[in-house]
Amino acid sequence: MTSFSGDTVGVGFLGAGDIAILHAKAVAKVPGAKLVGLWNRSQDRAEQRAADFGCRNHATPEELVSDPNIHAVFVLTNLETHLEYTKLALEHGKHVLVEKPVGQSIAEIQEMNDLATAKNLTCMPGHNYIYESGMSRTRDLVDAGDLGTIVSAYVMYNIHHPEEVAKRYPGVVRQILTHHSYILLYLVGAPIELCAMKSVMHYKEYAEEDIAMVQMRLKNGALAHFCASFAADDHAADPWTVMVKVIGTAGSTRYSYRDHVEIKPGLVHSQTYTAYQGSVMNEVKHFLVDCVRLGAKPLSTMEDAITAQRMIEAAEESIRNKSIVTLR
C-alpha cells in the first residue's frame, strides 16, 4: 500500500450513530490525525454530532468523500449500505475502515477488497477485539507452542439488550457472532465444520434471534464453542459477560471484560466496560498510523472478513437445515 506523506491524516465519518462516539474518541487520541467531517442520514443527529466532535457536517456522502482534507473514511452506517459507501470512498481515493459486519455476503466483501486492491488503498474491516493486548498475548502463546496442542476454544457474550436497542441490529448471529468468528480466526484458525442453533427468548415484536450458540471442529480435531446472547446479563461470580478462552495441553489463557470494569452509565449496555472503547482506540491507531501513514498491511484483512462471513453463512445454513455444515 502507498504510505501517507502529509502532516495530518484527515478522517471523515459516514454515519454518526452510537459507534461514531467511540471512533471519534479514538481518532482524537491518535497523534497526527484529525476528524475533519461527518455525514449522517438524519441531519438533526449529524448537526449534534458535528458540534460534539468539533468537525464539519457534510450535506451528502459525495460531498464528504470529495473533501481534499479527508484522506481516510470510516464507514459506520447500517450493514445494508456498507458496500455502497465503501465503494464510494475507495473510488474517490480514500482509505477505508468499514465497521463489522463488513458486508451482507461474501460477494459484497470480495467486491470491496477487489476495488481496494485495484486502487492500491487500504480497506480494513472493523475487527476491533483482536487489537486488545490480551488477544495478542494469546496469539503469541499459541504461535510459540507455549500452550501445547490446542484442545478447545470458547468465545462467550452475554449482555442484555432491550428490544428497542436490538432492533438496530440484524440479530446476534450476524451482529455478535461476526466478532466471535474473527476472534477465533485470529487466535487458532478457521473451523472445518460447525453446527448452530438460535432462539428468541424475550422479544415481543422483533423477529430476529436474541441468543445463538455454535459448536465447531478445528483442523487439528480441537473443538470450539460460541455463545452470543442479548437475552440476559450474566452477573454470576465469574461472569461470561465477554469471555475468550483458549485451552491447550500445556496451558491455557483467557481474555475477559471483567479484567477492568467501570461502573457508570453506558451507551446501550447495562454495565460499562473500558475494554470495548480501548479495543476501538487500538484498532483506529493501527489503521491510521500503521496502515494509512506507513502503508502496512492490516492485522485483520478483508480476506479474514470473507472467512468470517463464510462462518456466519455456514451457521445460518446449519440453523436453517438443522445440520452439520462443512466449511469450504
C-alpha atoms as a PDB file:
ATOM      1  CA  MET A   1       0.000   0.000   0.000  1.00  0.00           C
ATOM      2  CA  THR A   2       1.119   3.551  -0.597  1.00  0.00           C
ATOM      3  CA  SER A   3       2.097   5.467   2.535  1.00  0.00           C
ATOM      4  CA  PHE A   4       0.723   8.883   3.542  1.00  0.00           C
ATOM      5  CA  SER A   5       3.220  11.742   3.370  1.00  0.00           C
ATOM      6  CA  GLY A   6       1.195  14.654   4.766  1.00  0.00           C
ATOM      7  CA  ASP A   7       1.337  16.165   8.242  1.00  0.00           C
ATOM      8  CA  THR A   8      -2.190  15.264   9.332  1.00  0.00           C
ATOM      9  CA  VAL A   9      -4.371  12.337   8.290  1.00  0.00           C
ATOM     10  CA  GLY A  10      -7.834  13.804   7.803  1.00  0.00           C
ATOM     11  CA  VAL A  11     -10.695  11.488   8.767  1.00  0.00           C
ATOM     12  CA  GLY A  12     -14.324  11.505   7.674  1.00  0.00           C
ATOM     13  CA  PHE A  13     -17.235   9.526   9.119  1.00  0.00           C
ATOM     14  CA  LEU A  14     -20.077   8.169   7.018  1.00  0.00           C
ATOM     15  CA  GLY A  15     -22.602   7.525   9.761  1.00  0.00           C
ATOM     16  CA  ALA A  16     -22.912   9.227  13.154  1.00  0.00           C
ATOM     17  CA  GLY A  17     -24.662   6.684  15.369  1.00  0.00           C
ATOM     18  CA  ASP A  18     -23.528   5.465  18.776  1.00  0.00           C
ATOM     19  CA  ILE A  19     -20.457   3.694  17.370  1.00  0.00           C
ATOM     20  CA  ALA A  20     -19.270   7.032  15.962  1.00  0.00           C
ATOM     21  CA  ILE A  21     -18.816   8.281  19.533  1.00  0.00           C
ATOM     22  CA  LEU A  22     -16.270   5.537  20.204  1.00  0.00           C
ATOM     23  CA  HIS A  23     -14.467   6.191  16.920  1.00  0.00           C
ATOM     24  CA  ALA A  24     -14.373   9.960  17.492  1.00  0.00           C
ATOM     25  CA  LYS A  25     -12.743   9.447  20.891  1.00  0.00           C
ATOM     26  CA  ALA A  26     -10.271   7.080  19.250  1.00  0.00           C
ATOM     27  CA  VAL A  27      -9.312   9.476  16.439  1.00  0.00           C
ATOM     28  CA  ALA A  28      -8.767  12.246  18.999  1.00  0.00           C
ATOM     29  CA  LYS A  29      -6.154  10.039  20.712  1.00  0.00           C
ATOM     30  CA  VAL A  30      -4.100   9.409  17.544  1.00  0.00           C
ATOM     31  CA  PRO A  31      -1.183  11.831  17.022  1.00  0.00           C
ATOM     32  CA  GLY A  32      -1.200  13.295  13.534  1.00  0.00           C
ATOM     33  CA  ALA A  33      -4.849  12.516  12.859  1.00  0.00           C
ATOM     34  CA  LYS A  34      -7.931  14.735  12.902  1.00  0.00           C
ATOM     35  CA  LEU A  35     -11.656  14.180  12.447  1.00  0.00           C
ATOM     36  CA  VAL A  36     -12.453  16.652   9.652  1.00  0.00           C
ATOM     37  CA  GLY A  37     -16.085  15.924   8.872  1.00  0.00           C
ATOM     38  CA  LEU A  38     -19.049  13.592   9.017  1.00  0.00           C
ATOM     39  CA  TRP A  39     -22.275  12.810   7.223  1.00  0.00           C
ATOM     40  CA  ASN A  40     -25.393  11.161   8.624  1.00  0.00           C
ATOM     41  CA  ARG A  41     -28.767  10.417   7.030  1.00  0.00           C
ATOM     42  CA  SER A  42     -30.539  12.211   9.889  1.00  0.00           C
ATOM     43  CA  GLN A  43     -29.304  15.789   9.737  1.00  0.00           C
ATOM     44  CA  ASP A  44     -30.517  16.562  13.255  1.00  0.00           C
ATOM     45  CA  ARG A  45     -28.167  13.903  14.602  1.00  0.00           C
ATOM     46  CA  ALA A  46     -25.420  14.971  12.184  1.00  0.00           C
ATOM     47  CA  GLU A  47     -25.525  18.563  13.393  1.00  0.00           C
ATOM     48  CA  GLN A  48     -25.405  17.490  17.027  1.00  0.00           C
ATOM     49  CA  ARG A  49     -22.557  15.008  16.493  1.00  0.00           C
ATOM     50  CA  ALA A  50     -20.559  17.516  14.433  1.00  0.00           C
ATOM     51  CA  ALA A  51     -20.893  20.049  17.249  1.00  0.00           C
ATOM     52  CA  ASP A  52     -19.912  17.416  19.832  1.00  0.00           C
ATOM     53  CA  PHE A  53     -16.896  16.223  17.821  1.00  0.00           C
ATOM     54  CA  GLY A  54     -15.778  19.661  16.629  1.00  0.00           C
ATOM     55  CA  CYS A  55     -15.900  18.805  12.926  1.00  0.00           C
ATOM     56  CA  ARG A  56     -17.789  19.776   9.777  1.00  0.00           C
ATOM     57  CA  ASN A  57     -21.223  18.387   8.896  1.00  0.00           C
ATOM     58  CA  HIS A  58     -21.275  17.432   5.214  1.00  0.00           C
ATOM     59  CA  ALA A  59     -24.586  17.618   3.359  1.00  0.00           C
ATOM     60  CA  THR A  60     -24.098  14.420   1.328  1.00  0.00           C
ATOM     61  CA  PRO A  61     -21.803  11.367   1.271  1.00  0.00           C
ATOM     62  CA  GLU A  62     -20.459  12.563  -2.090  1.00  0.00           C
ATOM     63  CA  GLU A  63     -19.509  15.909  -0.587  1.00  0.00           C
ATOM     64  CA  LEU A  64     -17.636  14.192   2.246  1.00  0.00           C
ATOM     65  CA  VAL A  65     -15.611  11.809   0.078  1.00  0.00           C
ATOM     66  CA  SER A  66     -14.759  14.690  -2.297  1.00  0.00           C
ATOM     67  CA  ASP A  67     -13.248  16.763   0.529  1.00  0.00           C
ATOM     68  CA  PRO A  68      -9.485  17.035  -0.214  1.00  0.00           C
ATOM     69  CA  ASN A  69      -8.769  17.366   3.514  1.00  0.00           C
ATOM     70  CA  ILE A  70     -10.164  13.887   4.163  1.00  0.00           C
ATOM     71  CA  HIS A  71      -7.775  11.003   3.455  1.00  0.00           C
ATOM     72  CA  ALA A  72      -9.481   8.148   5.323  1.00  0.00           C
ATOM     73  CA  VAL A  73     -13.185   7.352   5.634  1.00  0.00           C
ATOM     74  CA  PHE A  74     -14.850   5.321   8.387  1.00  0.00           C
ATOM     75  CA  VAL A  75     -17.998   3.558   7.140  1.00  0.00           C
ATOM     76  CA  LEU A  76     -20.196   3.482  10.262  1.00  0.00           C
ATOM     77  CA  THR A  77     -23.625   3.163   8.647  1.00  0.00           C
ATOM     78  CA  ASN A  78     -26.079   0.255   8.750  1.00  0.00           C
ATOM     79  CA  LEU A  79     -24.927  -3.044   7.255  1.00  0.00           C
ATOM     80  CA  GLU A  80     -27.106  -2.786   4.148  1.00  0.00           C
ATOM     81  CA  THR A  81     -25.210   0.324   2.961  1.00  0.00           C
ATOM     82  CA  HIS A  82     -21.612  -0.768   3.658  1.00  0.00           C
ATOM     83  CA  LEU A  83     -20.896  -1.843   0.084  1.00  0.00           C
ATOM     84  CA  GLU A  84     -22.305   1.369  -1.418  1.00  0.00           C
ATOM     85  CA  TYR A  85     -20.365   3.719   0.850  1.00  0.00           C
ATOM     86  CA  THR A  86     -17.138   1.723   0.898  1.00  0.00           C
ATOM     87  CA  LYS A  87     -17.070   1.731  -2.901  1.00  0.00           C
ATOM     88  CA  LEU A  88     -17.877   5.464  -2.965  1.00  0.00           C
ATOM     89  CA  ALA A  89     -14.954   6.258  -0.660  1.00  0.00           C
ATOM     90  CA  LEU A  90     -12.493   3.981  -2.478  1.00  0.00           C
ATOM     91  CA  GLU A  91     -13.488   5.390  -5.865  1.00  0.00           C
ATOM     92  CA  HIS A  92     -12.597   8.849  -4.527  1.00  0.00           C
ATOM     93  CA  GLY A  93      -9.155   7.663  -3.434  1.00  0.00           C
ATOM     94  CA  LYS A  94      -9.815   7.348   0.302  1.00  0.00           C
ATOM     95  CA  HIS A  95      -8.541   4.620   2.601  1.00  0.00           C
ATOM     96  CA  VAL A  96     -11.446   2.921   4.354  1.00  0.00           C
ATOM     97  CA  LEU A  97     -12.182   1.375   7.737  1.00  0.00           C
ATOM     98  CA  VAL A  98     -15.529  -0.401   7.433  1.00  0.00           C
ATOM     99  CA  GLU A  99     -17.345  -1.486  10.569  1.00  0.00           C
ATOM    100  CA  LYS A 100     -18.315  -5.078  11.103  1.00  0.00           C
ATOM    101  CA  PRO A 101     -20.320  -6.908   9.901  1.00  0.00           C
ATOM    102  CA  VAL A 102     -18.409  -5.776   6.809  1.00  0.00           C
ATOM    103  CA  GLY A 103     -20.938  -6.896   4.195  1.00  0.00           C
ATOM    104  CA  GLN A 104     -24.155  -8.790   3.708  1.00  0.00           C
ATOM    105  CA  SER A 105     -22.443 -11.540   1.715  1.00  0.00           C
ATOM    106  CA  ILE A 106     -19.078 -12.938   0.712  1.00  0.00           C
ATOM    107  CA  ALA A 107     -19.584 -11.402  -2.735  1.00  0.00           C
ATOM    108  CA  GLU A 108     -20.012  -7.909  -1.265  1.00  0.00           C
ATOM    109  CA  ILE A 109     -16.837  -8.148   0.817  1.00  0.00           C
ATOM    110  CA  GLN A 110     -14.924  -9.541  -2.164  1.00  0.00           C
ATOM    111  CA  GLU A 111     -16.102  -6.609  -4.288  1.00  0.00           C
ATOM    112  CA  MET A 112     -14.799  -4.135  -1.689  1.00  0.00           C
ATOM    113  CA  ASN A 113     -11.485  -5.985  -1.491  1.00  0.00           C
ATOM    114  CA  ASP A 114     -11.057  -6.131  -5.262  1.00  0.00           C
ATOM    115  CA  LEU A 115     -11.674  -2.392  -5.623  1.00  0.00           C
ATOM    116  CA  ALA A 116      -9.254  -1.527  -2.791  1.00  0.00           C
ATOM    117  CA  THR A 117      -6.581  -3.694  -4.401  1.00  0.00           C
ATOM    118  CA  ALA A 118      -7.138  -2.078  -7.798  1.00  0.00           C
ATOM    119  CA  LYS A 119      -6.888   1.392  -6.249  1.00  0.00           C
ATOM    120  CA  ASN A 120      -3.866   0.424  -4.085  1.00  0.00           C
ATOM    121  CA  LEU A 121      -5.744   1.611  -0.996  1.00  0.00           C
ATOM    122  CA  THR A 122      -6.229   0.106   2.449  1.00  0.00           C
ATOM    123  CA  CYS A 123      -9.687  -1.262   3.185  1.00  0.00           C
ATOM    124  CA  MET A 124      -9.696  -2.623   6.720  1.00  0.00           C
ATOM    125  CA  PRO A 125     -12.511  -4.478   8.500  1.00  0.00           C
ATOM    126  CA  GLY A 126     -13.548  -3.195  11.932  1.00  0.00           C
ATOM    127  CA  HIS A 127     -12.345  -6.274  13.795  1.00  0.00           C
ATOM    128  CA  ASN A 128     -11.611  -4.385  16.987  1.00  0.00           C
ATOM    129  CA  TYR A 129     -11.283  -7.152  19.593  1.00  0.00           C
ATOM    130  CA  ILE A 130      -8.038  -8.544  18.161  1.00  0.00           C
ATOM    131  CA  TYR A 131      -6.288  -5.271  18.993  1.00  0.00           C
ATOM    132  CA  GLU A 132      -6.632  -5.912  22.736  1.00  0.00           C
ATOM    133  CA  SER A 133      -3.337  -6.792  24.433  1.00  0.00           C
ATOM    134  CA  GLY A 134      -4.902  -9.919  25.969  1.00  0.00           C
ATOM    135  CA  MET A 135      -5.780 -11.179  22.496  1.00  0.00           C
ATOM    136  CA  SER A 136      -2.353 -10.530  21.022  1.00  0.00           C
ATOM    137  CA  ARG A 137      -0.730 -12.248  24.007  1.00  0.00           C
ATOM    138  CA  THR A 138      -2.903 -15.325  23.450  1.00  0.00           C
ATOM    139  CA  ARG A 139      -1.981 -15.340  19.747  1.00  0.00           C
ATOM    140  CA  ASP A 140       1.724 -15.166  20.651  1.00  0.00           C
ATOM    141  CA  LEU A 141       1.389 -18.059  23.111  1.00  0.00           C
ATOM    142  CA  VAL A 142      -0.448 -20.189  20.559  1.00  0.00           C
ATOM    143  CA  ASP A 143       2.041 -19.409  17.777  1.00  0.00           C
ATOM    144  CA  ALA A 144       5.018 -20.176  20.024  1.00  0.00           C
ATOM    145  CA  GLY A 145       3.543 -23.509  21.088  1.00  0.00           C
ATOM    146  CA  ASP A 146       3.585 -22.473  24.743  1.00  0.00           C
ATOM    147  CA  LEU A 147       0.026 -23.772  25.254  1.00  0.00           C
ATOM    148  CA  GLY A 148       0.888 -27.141  23.729  1.00  0.00           C
ATOM    149  CA  THR A 149      -1.724 -28.754  21.489  1.00  0.00           C
ATOM    150  CA  ILE A 150      -4.896 -26.650  21.419  1.00  0.00           C
ATOM    151  CA  VAL A 151      -7.861 -28.755  22.530  1.00  0.00           C
ATOM    152  CA  SER A 152     -10.643 -26.189  22.930  1.00  0.00           C
ATOM    153  CA  ALA A 153     -11.577 -22.544  22.486  1.00  0.00           C
ATOM    154  CA  TYR A 154     -14.556 -20.549  23.774  1.00  0.00           C
ATOM    155  CA  VAL A 155     -15.902 -17.123  22.843  1.00  0.00           C
ATOM    156  CA  MET A 156     -18.796 -16.081  25.118  1.00  0.00           C
ATOM    157  CA  TYR A 157     -21.030 -12.982  25.090  1.00  0.00           C
ATOM    158  CA  ASN A 158     -23.950 -12.437  27.488  1.00  0.00           C
ATOM    159  CA  ILE A 159     -25.099  -8.807  27.624  1.00  0.00           C
ATOM    160  CA  HIS A 160     -28.802  -7.966  27.779  1.00  0.00           C
ATOM    161  CA  HIS A 161     -30.065  -5.627  25.052  1.00  0.00           C
ATOM    162  CA  PRO A 162     -33.615  -4.263  25.285  1.00  0.00           C
ATOM    163  CA  GLU A 163     -35.781  -4.717  22.232  1.00  0.00           C
ATOM    164  CA  GLU A 164     -35.599  -1.075  21.137  1.00  0.00           C
ATOM    165  CA  VAL A 165     -31.793  -1.333  21.016  1.00  0.00           C
ATOM    166  CA  ALA A 166     -31.688  -4.772  19.373  1.00  0.00           C
ATOM    167  CA  LYS A 167     -33.914  -3.514  16.541  1.00  0.00           C
ATOM    168  CA  ARG A 168     -30.916  -1.566  15.241  1.00  0.00           C
ATOM    169  CA  TYR A 169     -29.065  -4.813  14.575  1.00  0.00           C
ATOM    170  CA  PRO A 170     -29.538  -7.835  12.271  1.00  0.00           C
ATOM    171  CA  GLY A 171     -29.785 -10.398  15.125  1.00  0.00           C
ATOM    172  CA  VAL A 172     -26.980 -11.841  17.236  1.00  0.00           C
ATOM    173  CA  VAL A 173     -25.772 -14.302  14.579  1.00  0.00           C
ATOM    174  CA  ARG A 174     -24.688 -11.534  12.229  1.00  0.00           C
ATOM    175  CA  GLN A 175     -24.066  -8.797  14.800  1.00  0.00           C
ATOM    176  CA  ILE A 176     -22.212 -10.670  17.548  1.00  0.00           C
ATOM    177  CA  LEU A 177     -21.047 -13.979  16.063  1.00  0.00           C
ATOM    178  CA  THR A 178     -19.126 -11.962  13.473  1.00  0.00           C
ATOM    179  CA  HIS A 179     -16.965 -10.758  16.372  1.00  0.00           C
ATOM    180  CA  HIS A 180     -16.607 -14.323  17.604  1.00  0.00           C
ATOM    181  CA  SER A 181     -15.635 -15.588  14.159  1.00  0.00           C
ATOM    182  CA  TYR A 182     -12.759 -13.219  13.521  1.00  0.00           C
ATOM    183  CA  ILE A 183     -11.531 -13.710  17.105  1.00  0.00           C
ATOM    184  CA  LEU A 184     -11.358 -17.473  16.572  1.00  0.00           C
ATOM    185  CA  LEU A 185      -9.619 -16.974  13.207  1.00  0.00           C
ATOM    186  CA  TYR A 186      -7.019 -14.699  14.778  1.00  0.00           C
ATOM    187  CA  LEU A 187      -6.288 -16.929  17.762  1.00  0.00           C
ATOM    188  CA  VAL A 188      -6.449 -20.521  16.481  1.00  0.00           C
ATOM    189  CA  GLY A 189      -7.681 -20.542  12.871  1.00  0.00           C
ATOM    190  CA  ALA A 190     -10.863 -21.410  10.995  1.00  0.00           C
ATOM    191  CA  PRO A 191     -13.130 -24.372  11.785  1.00  0.00           C
ATOM    192  CA  ILE A 192     -13.669 -27.155   9.269  1.00  0.00           C
ATOM    193  CA  GLU A 193     -17.252 -27.933  10.324  1.00  0.00           C
ATOM    194  CA  LEU A 194     -19.932 -26.468  12.549  1.00  0.00           C
ATOM    195  CA  CYS A 195     -23.488 -26.744  13.785  1.00  0.00           C
ATOM    196  CA  ALA A 196     -25.624 -23.952  15.248  1.00  0.00           C
ATOM    197  CA  MET A 197     -28.928 -23.147  16.944  1.00  0.00           C
ATOM    198  CA  LYS A 198     -30.737 -19.900  17.734  1.00  0.00           C
ATOM    199  CA  SER A 199     -33.797 -18.755  19.682  1.00  0.00           C
ATOM    200  CA  VAL A 200     -35.906 -15.722  20.556  1.00  0.00           C
ATOM    201  CA  MET A 201     -36.294 -15.620  24.331  1.00  0.00           C
ATOM    202  CA  HIS A 202     -37.703 -12.248  25.325  1.00  0.00           C
ATOM    203  CA  TYR A 203     -38.526 -10.000  22.354  1.00  0.00           C
ATOM    204  CA  LYS A 204     -42.199  -9.293  21.732  1.00  0.00           C
ATOM    205  CA  GLU A 205     -42.171  -7.842  18.206  1.00  0.00           C
ATOM    206  CA  TYR A 206     -38.600  -8.041  16.885  1.00  0.00           C
ATOM    207  CA  ALA A 207     -38.335 -11.278  14.929  1.00  0.00           C
ATOM    208  CA  GLU A 208     -34.563 -11.745  14.981  1.00  0.00           C
ATOM    209  CA  GLU A 209     -32.853 -14.066  17.464  1.00  0.00           C
ATOM    210  CA  ASP A 210     -31.569 -12.821  20.818  1.00  0.00           C
ATOM    211  CA  ILE A 211     -29.447 -15.901  21.582  1.00  0.00           C
ATOM    212  CA  ALA A 212     -27.403 -18.288  19.433  1.00  0.00           C
ATOM    213  CA  MET A 213     -24.782 -20.962  20.007  1.00  0.00           C
ATOM    214  CA  VAL A 214     -22.334 -22.676  17.654  1.00  0.00           C
ATOM    215  CA  GLN A 215     -20.239 -25.825  18.049  1.00  0.00           C
ATOM    216  CA  MET A 216     -17.178 -26.238  15.792  1.00  0.00           C
ATOM    217  CA  ARG A 217     -14.388 -28.652  14.980  1.00  0.00           C
ATOM    218  CA  LEU A 218     -10.962 -27.256  14.093  1.00  0.00           C
ATOM    219  CA  LYS A 219      -8.490 -28.798  11.663  1.00  0.00           C
ATOM    220  CA  ASN A 220      -6.450 -30.486  14.429  1.00  0.00           C
ATOM    221  CA  GLY A 221      -9.586 -32.004  15.979  1.00  0.00           C
ATOM    222  CA  ALA A 222      -9.963 -29.379  18.713  1.00  0.00           C
ATOM    223  CA  LEU A 223     -13.494 -28.169  19.488  1.00  0.00           C
ATOM    224  CA  ALA A 224     -14.705 -24.581  19.792  1.00  0.00           C
ATOM    225  CA  HIS A 225     -17.883 -23.038  21.187  1.00  0.00           C
ATOM    226  CA  PHE A 226     -19.580 -19.682  20.575  1.00  0.00           C
ATOM    227  CA  CYS A 227     -22.380 -18.119  22.606  1.00  0.00           C
ATOM    228  CA  ALA A 228     -23.955 -14.796  21.637  1.00  0.00           C
ATOM    229  CA  SER A 229     -26.811 -13.502  23.770  1.00  0.00           C
ATOM    230  CA  PHE A 230     -28.827 -10.317  24.101  1.00  0.00           C
ATOM    231  CA  ALA A 231     -31.334 -12.290  26.187  1.00  0.00           C
ATOM    232  CA  ALA A 232     -29.856 -11.787  29.663  1.00  0.00           C
ATOM    233  CA  ASP A 233     -26.879 -10.439  31.568  1.00  0.00           C
ATOM    234  CA  ASP A 234     -24.515 -12.774  33.360  1.00  0.00           C
ATOM    235  CA  HIS A 235     -23.953 -11.374  36.861  1.00  0.00           C
ATOM    236  CA  ALA A 236     -22.560 -14.605  38.296  1.00  0.00           C
ATOM    237  CA  ALA A 237     -19.436 -14.610  40.443  1.00  0.00           C
ATOM    238  CA  ASP A 238     -17.284 -15.438  37.418  1.00  0.00           C
ATOM    239  CA  PRO A 239     -19.436 -13.975  34.637  1.00  0.00           C
ATOM    240  CA  TRP A 240     -19.294 -14.826  30.961  1.00  0.00           C
ATOM    241  CA  THR A 241     -20.158 -11.246  30.043  1.00  0.00           C
ATOM    242  CA  VAL A 242     -17.464 -11.295  27.382  1.00  0.00           C
ATOM    243  CA  MET A 243     -15.035 -14.176  27.823  1.00  0.00           C
ATOM    244  CA  VAL A 244     -12.484 -15.730  25.467  1.00  0.00           C
ATOM    245  CA  LYS A 245     -10.632 -18.888  26.485  1.00  0.00           C
ATOM    246  CA  VAL A 246      -8.040 -20.993  24.669  1.00  0.00           C
ATOM    247  CA  ILE A 247      -7.076 -24.249  26.367  1.00  0.00           C
ATOM    248  CA  GLY A 248      -4.110 -26.420  25.405  1.00  0.00           C
ATOM    249  CA  THR A 249      -2.299 -29.465  26.743  1.00  0.00           C
ATOM    250  CA  ALA A 250       0.471 -27.283  28.197  1.00  0.00           C
ATOM    251  CA  GLY A 251      -1.539 -24.295  29.420  1.00  0.00           C
ATOM    252  CA  SER A 252      -4.490 -22.006  28.904  1.00  0.00           C
ATOM    253  CA  THR A 253      -5.256 -18.318  28.622  1.00  0.00           C
ATOM    254  CA  ARG A 254      -8.271 -16.026  28.790  1.00  0.00           C
ATOM    255  CA  TYR A 255      -9.487 -12.549  27.955  1.00  0.00           C
ATOM    256  CA  SER A 256     -12.432 -11.036  29.831  1.00  0.00           C
ATOM    257  CA  TYR A 257     -14.304  -7.753  30.042  1.00  0.00           C
ATOM    258  CA  ARG A 258     -14.046  -8.261  33.797  1.00  0.00           C
ATOM    259  CA  ASP A 259     -10.299  -7.659  33.706  1.00  0.00           C
ATOM    260  CA  HIS A 260     -11.217  -3.984  34.026  1.00  0.00           C
ATOM    261  CA  VAL A 261     -14.649  -2.655  34.992  1.00  0.00           C
ATOM    262  CA  GLU A 262     -16.026   0.870  35.320  1.00  0.00           C
ATOM    263  CA  ILE A 263     -19.393   1.375  36.978  1.00  0.00           C
ATOM    264  CA  LYS A 264     -21.082   4.255  35.160  1.00  0.00           C
ATOM    265  CA  PRO A 265     -23.850   4.643  32.560  1.00  0.00           C
ATOM    266  CA  GLY A 266     -23.099   3.154  29.146  1.00  0.00           C
ATOM    267  CA  LEU A 267     -24.466   3.818  25.664  1.00  0.00           C
ATOM    268  CA  VAL A 268     -26.671   0.715  25.453  1.00  0.00           C
ATOM    269  CA  HIS A 269     -25.291  -1.843  27.901  1.00  0.00           C
ATOM    270  CA  SER A 270     -26.473  -2.418  31.451  1.00  0.00           C
ATOM    271  CA  GLN A 271     -22.840  -2.211  32.575  1.00  0.00           C
ATOM    272  CA  THR A 272     -19.931  -0.164  31.243  1.00  0.00           C
ATOM    273  CA  TYR A 273     -16.501  -1.508  30.409  1.00  0.00           C
ATOM    274  CA  THR A 274     -13.475   0.365  29.126  1.00  0.00           C
ATOM    275  CA  ALA A 275     -12.469  -2.757  27.212  1.00  0.00           C
ATOM    276  CA  TYR A 276     -14.586  -2.086  24.118  1.00  0.00           C
ATOM    277  CA  GLN A 277     -13.594   1.580  23.860  1.00  0.00           C
ATOM    278  CA  GLY A 278      -9.970   0.571  24.395  1.00  0.00           C
ATOM    279  CA  SER A 279     -10.090  -2.005  21.618  1.00  0.00           C
ATOM    280  CA  VAL A 280     -11.557   0.582  19.217  1.00  0.00           C
ATOM    281  CA  MET A 281      -8.784   3.029  20.146  1.00  0.00           C
ATOM    282  CA  ASN A 282      -6.128   0.412  19.411  1.00  0.00           C
ATOM    283  CA  GLU A 283      -7.837  -0.529  16.139  1.00  0.00           C
ATOM    284  CA  VAL A 284      -8.112   3.081  14.946  1.00  0.00           C
ATOM    285  CA  LYS A 285      -4.492   3.818  15.827  1.00  0.00           C
ATOM    286  CA  HIS A 286      -3.363   0.742  13.866  1.00  0.00           C
ATOM    287  CA  PHE A 287      -5.440   1.801  10.866  1.00  0.00           C
ATOM    288  CA  LEU A 288      -4.390   5.459  10.789  1.00  0.00           C
ATOM    289  CA  VAL A 289      -0.746   5.112  11.836  1.00  0.00           C
ATOM    290  CA  ASP A 290       0.419   1.694  10.695  1.00  0.00           C
ATOM    291  CA  CYS A 291      -1.766   1.238   7.610  1.00  0.00           C
ATOM    292  CA  VAL A 292      -2.599   4.713   6.248  1.00  0.00           C
ATOM    293  CA  ARG A 293       0.532   6.589   7.274  1.00  0.00           C
ATOM    294  CA  LEU A 294       3.127   3.803   6.979  1.00  0.00           C
ATOM    295  CA  GLY A 295       1.495   1.585   4.363  1.00  0.00           C
ATOM    296  CA  ALA A 296       1.491  -1.604   6.469  1.00  0.00           C
ATOM    297  CA  LYS A 297      -0.918  -4.481   5.903  1.00  0.00           C
ATOM    298  CA  PRO A 298      -3.838  -4.555   8.372  1.00  0.00           C
ATOM    299  CA  LEU A 299      -3.583  -7.021  11.224  1.00  0.00           C
ATOM    300  CA  SER A 300      -7.006  -8.321  10.175  1.00  0.00           C
ATOM    301  CA  THR A 301      -7.633  -8.241   6.434  1.00  0.00           C
ATOM    302  CA  MET A 302     -10.596  -8.296   4.093  1.00  0.00           C
ATOM    303  CA  GLU A 303      -9.687 -11.917   3.371  1.00  0.00           C
ATOM    304  CA  ASP A 304     -10.267 -12.566   7.088  1.00  0.00           C
ATOM    305  CA  ALA A 305     -13.605 -10.768   6.802  1.00  0.00           C
ATOM    306  CA  ILE A 306     -14.536 -13.078   3.931  1.00  0.00           C
ATOM    307  CA  THR A 307     -13.673 -16.152   6.019  1.00  0.00           C
ATOM    308  CA  ALA A 308     -15.648 -14.787   8.979  1.00  0.00           C
ATOM    309  CA  GLN A 309     -18.621 -14.191   6.687  1.00  0.00           C
ATOM    310  CA  ARG A 310     -18.300 -17.758   5.407  1.00  0.00           C
ATOM    311  CA  MET A 311     -18.557 -18.953   9.023  1.00  0.00           C
ATOM    312  CA  ILE A 312     -21.669 -16.819   9.598  1.00  0.00           C
ATOM    313  CA  GLU A 313     -23.344 -18.115   6.467  1.00  0.00           C
ATOM    314  CA  ALA A 314     -22.472 -21.689   7.481  1.00  0.00           C
ATOM    315  CA  ALA A 315     -24.065 -21.087  10.892  1.00  0.00           C
ATOM    316  CA  GLU A 316     -27.202 -19.748   9.191  1.00  0.00           C
ATOM    317  CA  GLU A 317     -27.286 -22.793   6.910  1.00  0.00           C
ATOM    318  CA  SER A 318     -26.928 -25.093   9.915  1.00  0.00           C
ATOM    319  CA  ILE A 319     -29.786 -23.346  11.717  1.00  0.00           C
ATOM    320  CA  ARG A 320     -31.978 -23.400   8.632  1.00  0.00           C
ATOM    321  CA  ASN A 321     -31.370 -27.085   7.819  1.00  0.00           C
ATOM    322  CA  LYS A 322     -30.714 -28.380  11.362  1.00  0.00           C
ATOM    323  CA  SER A 323     -27.471 -29.839  10.076  1.00  0.00           C
ATOM    324  CA  ILE A 324     -23.710 -30.023  10.485  1.00  0.00           C
ATOM    325  CA  VAL A 325     -22.082 -27.882   7.801  1.00  0.00           C
ATOM    326  CA  THR A 326     -18.637 -28.473   6.309  1.00  0.00           C
ATOM    327  CA  LEU A 327     -16.828 -25.224   5.557  1.00  0.00           C
ATOM    328  CA  ARG A 328     -15.348 -24.947   2.091  1.00  0.00           C
END
